[in-house]
Amino acid sequence: MKLKMPRVTGDSMKLKRKAKQDYVNYEKSFHNNKSF
């Protein structure tokens, strides 16, 4: 069930995108560290 929150949508999308990017960076650094 999706709640309509027009004010929050833009910010939450940015936060989700940033969180995803941070997670990808974390995954990359984790694998890089693991390969040593």
N, C-alpha and C. Protein backbone atom coordinates (compact mmCIF):
# COMPACT_ATOMS: atom_id res chain seq x y z
N MET A 1 0.84 -1.20 0.00
CA MET A 1 0.00 0.00 0.00
C MET A 1 0.88 1.25 0.00
N LYS A 2 0.68 2.08 -1.00
CA LYS A 2 1.50 3.29 -1.10
C LYS A 2 0.72 4.49 -0.59
N LEU A 3 1.34 5.22 0.33
CA LEU A 3 0.72 6.45 0.83
C LEU A 3 1.18 7.61 -0.03
N LYS A 4 0.27 8.51 -0.31
CA LYS A 4 0.63 9.66 -1.13
C LYS A 4 1.14 10.79 -0.24
N MET A 5 2.40 11.08 -0.37
CA MET A 5 2.99 12.19 0.38
C MET A 5 3.80 13.05 -0.59
N PRO A 6 3.15 13.94 -1.30
CA PRO A 6 3.81 14.73 -2.34
C PRO A 6 5.01 15.53 -1.82
N ARG A 7 4.91 16.02 -0.60
CA ARG A 7 6.02 16.80 -0.07
C ARG A 7 7.25 15.94 0.16
N VAL A 8 7.03 14.74 0.67
CA VAL A 8 8.15 13.89 1.08
C VAL A 8 8.76 13.13 -0.09
N THR A 9 7.96 12.91 -1.13
CA THR A 9 8.38 12.02 -2.21
C THR A 9 9.75 12.39 -2.77
N GLY A 10 9.94 13.66 -3.14
CA GLY A 10 11.21 14.07 -3.75
C GLY A 10 12.39 13.77 -2.85
N ASP A 11 12.28 14.18 -1.58
CA ASP A 11 13.39 13.97 -0.65
C ASP A 11 13.64 12.49 -0.41
N SER A 12 12.56 11.73 -0.24
CA SER A 12 12.73 10.31 0.04
C SER A 12 13.38 9.61 -1.15
N MET A 13 13.03 10.03 -2.36
CA MET A 13 13.64 9.44 -3.55
C MET A 13 15.13 9.75 -3.55
N LYS A 14 15.48 10.98 -3.23
CA LYS A 14 16.90 11.35 -3.18
C LYS A 14 17.61 10.53 -2.11
N LEU A 15 16.97 10.39 -0.95
CA LEU A 15 17.59 9.64 0.14
C LEU A 15 17.78 8.18 -0.27
N LYS A 16 16.76 7.62 -0.91
CA LYS A 16 16.87 6.22 -1.35
C LYS A 16 18.00 6.08 -2.35
N ARG A 17 18.07 7.03 -3.28
CA ARG A 17 19.12 6.96 -4.29
C ARG A 17 20.49 7.06 -3.63
N LYS A 18 20.63 8.00 -2.69
CA LYS A 18 21.89 8.18 -1.98
C LYS A 18 22.24 6.94 -1.18
N ALA A 19 21.22 6.37 -0.51
CA ALA A 19 21.46 5.17 0.29
C ALA A 19 21.93 4.03 -0.61
N LYS A 20 21.29 3.92 -1.77
CA LYS A 20 21.68 2.86 -2.71
C LYS A 20 23.12 3.08 -3.16
N GLN A 21 23.47 4.33 -3.48
CA GLN A 21 24.82 4.65 -3.92
C GLN A 21 25.83 4.33 -2.82
N ASP A 22 25.48 4.71 -1.59
CA ASP A 22 26.37 4.42 -0.46
C ASP A 22 26.55 2.92 -0.31
N TYR A 23 25.47 2.18 -0.49
CA TYR A 23 25.53 0.73 -0.35
C TYR A 23 26.43 0.14 -1.43
N VAL A 24 26.29 0.65 -2.66
CA VAL A 24 27.12 0.16 -3.76
C VAL A 24 28.59 0.44 -3.46
N ASN A 25 28.87 1.65 -2.97
CA ASN A 25 30.26 1.99 -2.63
C ASN A 25 30.77 1.07 -1.53
N TYR A 26 29.90 0.78 -0.55
CA TYR A 26 30.29 -0.11 0.55
C TYR A 26 30.59 -1.50 0.01
N GLU A 27 29.73 -1.98 -0.89
CA GLU A 27 29.94 -3.30 -1.48
C GLU A 27 31.28 -3.34 -2.22
N LYS A 28 31.56 -2.31 -3.01
CA LYS A 28 32.81 -2.26 -3.77
C LYS A 28 34.00 -2.28 -2.82
N SER A 29 33.98 -1.42 -1.79
CA SER A 29 35.10 -1.34 -0.87
C SER A 29 35.24 -2.66 -0.11
N PHE A 30 34.11 -3.28 0.22
CA PHE A 30 34.15 -4.56 0.94
C PHE A 30 34.83 -5.62 0.08
N HIS A 31 34.45 -5.71 -1.19
CA HIS A 31 35.05 -6.70 -2.07
C HIS A 31 36.52 -6.39 -2.31
N ASN A 32 36.85 -5.10 -2.42
CA ASN A 32 38.24 -4.73 -2.62
C ASN A 32 39.08 -5.14 -1.42
N ASN A 33 38.56 -4.92 -0.22
CA ASN A 33 39.28 -5.29 0.98
C ASN A 33 39.40 -6.81 1.09
N LYS A 34 38.35 -7.50 0.66
CA LYS A 34 38.31 -8.95 0.77
C LYS A 34 39.34 -9.59 -0.17
N SER A 35 39.65 -8.93 -1.28
CA SER A 35 40.52 -9.54 -2.28
C SER A 35 41.99 -9.52 -1.84
N PHE A 36 42.30 -8.77 -0.79
CA PHE A 36 43.69 -8.73 -0.35
C PHE A 36 44.11 -10.03 0.34
